[in-house]
N, C-alpha and C. Protein backbone atom coordinates (compact mmCIF):
# COMPACT_ATOMS: atom_id res chain seq x y z
N UNK A 1 68.84 26.91 71.30
CA UNK A 1 68.30 27.23 69.99
C UNK A 1 69.37 28.01 69.21
N UNK A 2 69.52 27.68 67.94
CA UNK A 2 70.55 28.32 67.13
C UNK A 2 70.12 29.72 66.68
N UNK A 3 71.08 30.45 66.18
CA UNK A 3 70.81 31.79 65.66
C UNK A 3 69.80 31.72 64.52
N UNK A 4 69.94 30.70 63.67
CA UNK A 4 69.03 30.56 62.53
C UNK A 4 67.61 30.29 63.01
N UNK A 5 67.42 29.38 63.96
CA UNK A 5 66.07 29.08 64.44
C UNK A 5 65.46 30.30 65.14
N UNK A 6 66.28 31.08 65.82
CA UNK A 6 65.77 32.32 66.42
C UNK A 6 65.31 33.29 65.34
N UNK A 7 66.13 33.42 64.28
CA UNK A 7 65.77 34.33 63.19
C UNK A 7 64.47 33.91 62.53
N UNK A 8 64.34 32.63 62.21
CA UNK A 8 63.14 32.18 61.50
C UNK A 8 61.92 32.23 62.40
N UNK A 9 62.06 31.90 63.67
CA UNK A 9 60.93 31.97 64.60
C UNK A 9 60.43 33.40 64.74
N UNK A 10 61.34 34.34 64.88
CA UNK A 10 60.96 35.75 64.98
C UNK A 10 60.29 36.23 63.70
N UNK A 11 60.81 35.79 62.55
CA UNK A 11 60.25 36.23 61.27
C UNK A 11 58.86 35.65 61.06
N UNK A 12 58.65 34.40 61.43
CA UNK A 12 57.33 33.77 61.27
C UNK A 12 56.27 34.57 62.00
N UNK A 13 56.63 35.10 63.15
CA UNK A 13 55.67 35.89 63.93
C UNK A 13 55.18 37.12 63.17
N UNK A 14 55.96 37.60 62.21
CA UNK A 14 55.58 38.80 61.45
C UNK A 14 54.77 38.46 60.20
N UNK A 15 54.68 37.19 59.87
CA UNK A 15 54.00 36.77 58.63
C UNK A 15 52.60 36.24 58.93
N UNK A 16 51.83 36.05 57.88
CA UNK A 16 50.50 35.49 58.02
C UNK A 16 50.32 34.38 57.00
N UNK A 17 51.05 33.26 57.16
CA UNK A 17 50.93 32.17 56.19
C UNK A 17 49.58 31.48 56.29
N UNK A 18 49.20 30.80 55.26
CA UNK A 18 47.94 30.07 55.25
C UNK A 18 48.02 28.79 56.07
N UNK A 19 49.22 28.40 56.46
CA UNK A 19 49.38 27.20 57.28
C UNK A 19 49.25 27.57 58.74
N UNK A 20 48.98 26.57 59.57
CA UNK A 20 48.92 26.83 61.00
C UNK A 20 50.30 27.26 61.48
N UNK A 21 50.37 28.41 62.11
CA UNK A 21 51.67 28.94 62.54
C UNK A 21 52.38 28.00 63.49
N UNK A 22 51.65 27.36 64.38
CA UNK A 22 52.32 26.50 65.35
C UNK A 22 52.99 25.31 64.66
N UNK A 23 52.31 24.68 63.72
CA UNK A 23 52.90 23.56 62.99
C UNK A 23 54.11 24.01 62.17
N UNK A 24 53.97 25.15 61.51
CA UNK A 24 55.05 25.66 60.68
C UNK A 24 56.24 26.09 61.53
N UNK A 25 55.98 26.67 62.68
CA UNK A 25 57.06 27.09 63.58
C UNK A 25 57.85 25.87 64.06
N UNK A 26 57.16 24.83 64.46
CA UNK A 26 57.82 23.60 64.91
C UNK A 26 58.64 23.00 63.76
N UNK A 27 58.05 22.93 62.57
CA UNK A 27 58.76 22.41 61.41
C UNK A 27 60.02 23.22 61.13
N UNK A 28 59.89 24.55 61.15
CA UNK A 28 61.02 25.42 60.84
C UNK A 28 62.16 25.27 61.84
N UNK A 29 61.82 25.13 63.10
CA UNK A 29 62.85 24.91 64.12
C UNK A 29 63.61 23.62 63.84
N UNK A 30 62.89 22.57 63.48
CA UNK A 30 63.54 21.30 63.15
C UNK A 30 64.31 21.38 61.84
N UNK A 31 63.77 22.10 60.88
CA UNK A 31 64.37 22.25 59.56
C UNK A 31 65.76 22.90 59.65
N UNK A 32 65.89 23.91 60.51
CA UNK A 32 67.15 24.65 60.64
C UNK A 32 67.94 24.28 61.89
N UNK A 33 67.49 23.29 62.62
CA UNK A 33 68.08 22.95 63.92
C UNK A 33 69.59 22.77 63.88
N UNK A 34 70.09 22.04 62.90
CA UNK A 34 71.52 21.75 62.84
C UNK A 34 72.25 22.61 61.83
N UNK A 35 71.59 23.65 61.38
CA UNK A 35 72.21 24.53 60.37
C UNK A 35 73.36 25.32 60.97
N UNK A 36 74.42 25.43 60.20
CA UNK A 36 75.55 26.26 60.59
C UNK A 36 75.23 27.70 60.21
N UNK A 37 75.14 28.61 61.18
CA UNK A 37 74.77 30.00 60.86
C UNK A 37 75.63 30.64 59.78
N UNK A 38 76.89 30.28 59.69
CA UNK A 38 77.77 30.85 58.67
C UNK A 38 77.27 30.52 57.26
N UNK A 39 76.68 29.33 57.09
CA UNK A 39 76.17 28.93 55.79
C UNK A 39 75.00 29.80 55.33
N UNK A 40 74.34 30.48 56.27
CA UNK A 40 73.14 31.24 55.94
C UNK A 40 73.30 32.74 56.17
N UNK A 41 74.52 33.20 56.39
CA UNK A 41 74.76 34.63 56.62
C UNK A 41 74.24 35.50 55.49
N UNK A 42 74.36 35.03 54.26
CA UNK A 42 73.96 35.85 53.12
C UNK A 42 72.46 35.76 52.82
N UNK A 43 71.74 34.89 53.53
CA UNK A 43 70.30 34.74 53.31
C UNK A 43 69.53 35.74 54.17
N UNK A 44 68.55 36.37 53.58
CA UNK A 44 67.67 37.24 54.35
C UNK A 44 66.70 36.38 55.16
N UNK A 45 66.06 36.98 56.14
CA UNK A 45 65.05 36.25 56.90
C UNK A 45 63.92 35.79 55.98
N UNK A 46 63.59 36.62 54.98
CA UNK A 46 62.55 36.26 54.01
C UNK A 46 62.97 35.03 53.22
N UNK A 47 64.24 34.93 52.81
CA UNK A 47 64.73 33.76 52.08
C UNK A 47 64.64 32.50 52.94
N UNK A 48 65.04 32.60 54.20
CA UNK A 48 64.96 31.45 55.11
C UNK A 48 63.51 31.01 55.29
N UNK A 49 62.64 31.98 55.48
CA UNK A 49 61.21 31.72 55.64
C UNK A 49 60.65 31.01 54.41
N UNK A 50 60.96 31.55 53.22
CA UNK A 50 60.43 30.97 51.98
C UNK A 50 60.98 29.56 51.74
N UNK A 51 62.23 29.32 52.06
CA UNK A 51 62.80 27.98 51.90
C UNK A 51 62.08 26.98 52.81
N UNK A 52 61.88 27.37 54.05
CA UNK A 52 61.18 26.49 55.00
C UNK A 52 59.73 26.29 54.59
N UNK A 53 59.06 27.36 54.16
CA UNK A 53 57.65 27.25 53.75
C UNK A 53 57.49 26.37 52.52
N UNK A 54 58.40 26.50 51.56
CA UNK A 54 58.36 25.66 50.37
C UNK A 54 58.47 24.19 50.74
N UNK A 55 59.41 23.86 51.61
CA UNK A 55 59.59 22.47 52.04
C UNK A 55 58.40 22.00 52.87
N UNK A 56 57.91 22.85 53.76
CA UNK A 56 56.76 22.50 54.60
C UNK A 56 55.54 22.20 53.73
N UNK A 57 55.30 23.04 52.75
CA UNK A 57 54.15 22.84 51.86
C UNK A 57 54.26 21.54 51.08
N UNK A 58 55.44 21.28 50.54
CA UNK A 58 55.66 20.04 49.78
C UNK A 58 55.47 18.81 50.66
N UNK A 59 56.08 18.82 51.83
CA UNK A 59 56.02 17.65 52.70
C UNK A 59 54.67 17.48 53.37
N UNK A 60 53.84 18.53 53.37
CA UNK A 60 52.51 18.46 53.98
C UNK A 60 51.46 17.90 53.03
N UNK A 61 51.80 17.81 51.74
CA UNK A 61 50.85 17.27 50.77
C UNK A 61 50.54 15.82 51.14
N UNK A 62 49.28 15.49 51.14
CA UNK A 62 48.86 14.14 51.52
C UNK A 62 49.04 13.18 50.33
N UNK A 63 50.04 12.35 50.42
CA UNK A 63 50.29 11.33 49.40
C UNK A 63 51.01 10.19 50.10
N UNK A 64 50.28 9.15 50.41
CA UNK A 64 50.84 8.04 51.15
C UNK A 64 51.17 6.85 50.26
N UNK A 65 51.29 7.08 48.96
CA UNK A 65 51.53 5.99 48.03
C UNK A 65 52.99 5.57 47.95
N UNK A 66 53.88 6.30 48.59
CA UNK A 66 55.29 5.95 48.54
C UNK A 66 56.15 7.05 49.10
N UNK A 67 57.43 6.96 48.84
CA UNK A 67 58.38 7.96 49.33
C UNK A 67 58.20 9.28 48.59
N UNK A 68 58.61 10.36 49.25
CA UNK A 68 58.55 11.68 48.63
C UNK A 68 59.96 12.25 48.56
N UNK A 69 60.30 12.74 47.40
CA UNK A 69 61.57 13.46 47.25
C UNK A 69 61.37 14.48 46.14
N UNK A 70 61.96 15.63 46.32
CA UNK A 70 61.87 16.69 45.31
C UNK A 70 63.26 17.27 45.14
N UNK A 71 63.73 17.29 43.92
CA UNK A 71 65.03 17.88 43.59
C UNK A 71 64.76 18.99 42.59
N UNK A 72 65.25 20.19 42.89
CA UNK A 72 64.95 21.32 42.03
C UNK A 72 65.96 22.44 42.23
N UNK A 73 65.96 23.38 41.30
CA UNK A 73 66.73 24.61 41.42
C UNK A 73 65.73 25.71 41.74
N UNK A 74 65.70 26.16 42.99
CA UNK A 74 64.68 27.14 43.38
C UNK A 74 64.84 28.47 42.66
N UNK A 75 63.71 29.11 42.43
CA UNK A 75 63.71 30.44 41.84
C UNK A 75 62.80 31.34 42.67
N UNK A 76 63.11 32.62 42.68
CA UNK A 76 62.28 33.56 43.43
C UNK A 76 60.84 33.52 42.97
N UNK A 77 60.64 33.45 41.67
CA UNK A 77 59.28 33.50 41.13
C UNK A 77 58.44 32.30 41.57
N UNK A 78 59.02 31.11 41.53
CA UNK A 78 58.24 29.91 41.84
C UNK A 78 58.30 29.50 43.31
N UNK A 79 59.46 29.63 43.96
CA UNK A 79 59.64 29.12 45.31
C UNK A 79 59.85 30.20 46.37
N UNK A 80 60.07 31.44 45.96
CA UNK A 80 60.24 32.53 46.89
C UNK A 80 61.65 32.71 47.40
N UNK A 81 62.59 31.93 46.88
CA UNK A 81 63.99 32.07 47.25
C UNK A 81 64.84 31.49 46.14
N UNK A 82 66.10 31.90 46.08
CA UNK A 82 67.04 31.37 45.10
C UNK A 82 68.24 30.80 45.82
N UNK A 83 68.87 29.87 45.15
CA UNK A 83 70.08 29.27 45.70
C UNK A 83 70.98 28.96 44.51
N UNK A 84 72.25 29.09 44.66
CA UNK A 84 73.17 28.92 43.55
C UNK A 84 73.36 27.48 43.10
N UNK A 85 72.67 26.56 43.73
CA UNK A 85 72.81 25.14 43.35
C UNK A 85 71.50 24.43 43.62
N UNK A 86 71.45 23.15 43.29
CA UNK A 86 70.25 22.35 43.48
C UNK A 86 69.86 22.23 44.94
N UNK A 87 68.64 21.83 45.17
CA UNK A 87 68.04 21.76 46.49
C UNK A 87 67.16 20.52 46.52
N UNK A 88 67.07 19.85 47.64
CA UNK A 88 66.16 18.72 47.70
C UNK A 88 65.38 18.69 49.00
N UNK A 89 64.20 18.11 48.93
CA UNK A 89 63.33 17.89 50.09
C UNK A 89 63.07 16.41 50.20
N UNK A 90 63.16 15.90 51.37
CA UNK A 90 62.82 14.51 51.62
C UNK A 90 62.54 14.35 53.12
N UNK A 91 61.43 13.71 53.47
CA UNK A 91 61.16 13.50 54.89
C UNK A 91 62.22 12.62 55.52
N UNK A 92 62.52 12.88 56.79
CA UNK A 92 63.47 12.00 57.50
C UNK A 92 62.82 10.64 57.68
N UNK A 93 63.60 9.64 57.46
CA UNK A 93 63.08 8.27 57.61
C UNK A 93 63.30 7.78 59.01
């Protein structure tokens, strides 16, 4: 398990999200599985958590009418984290 997945797993244990913790924990581990820890050194555990939760929530929406993709510039107010560039969510095919 990577440093990032350890950080996010430990942080999830301290939170009380409205989603099932077990599903979100599994998603988060997969979400950050191949992440290079150096790329996330400047991110707080809260930022990592909010990024994963935002993606988890979007991808959990029930819509089977076609492909899902979201491209956006995250903001603290709307998504709970900021990033200096665009961000996208798309389920693995």
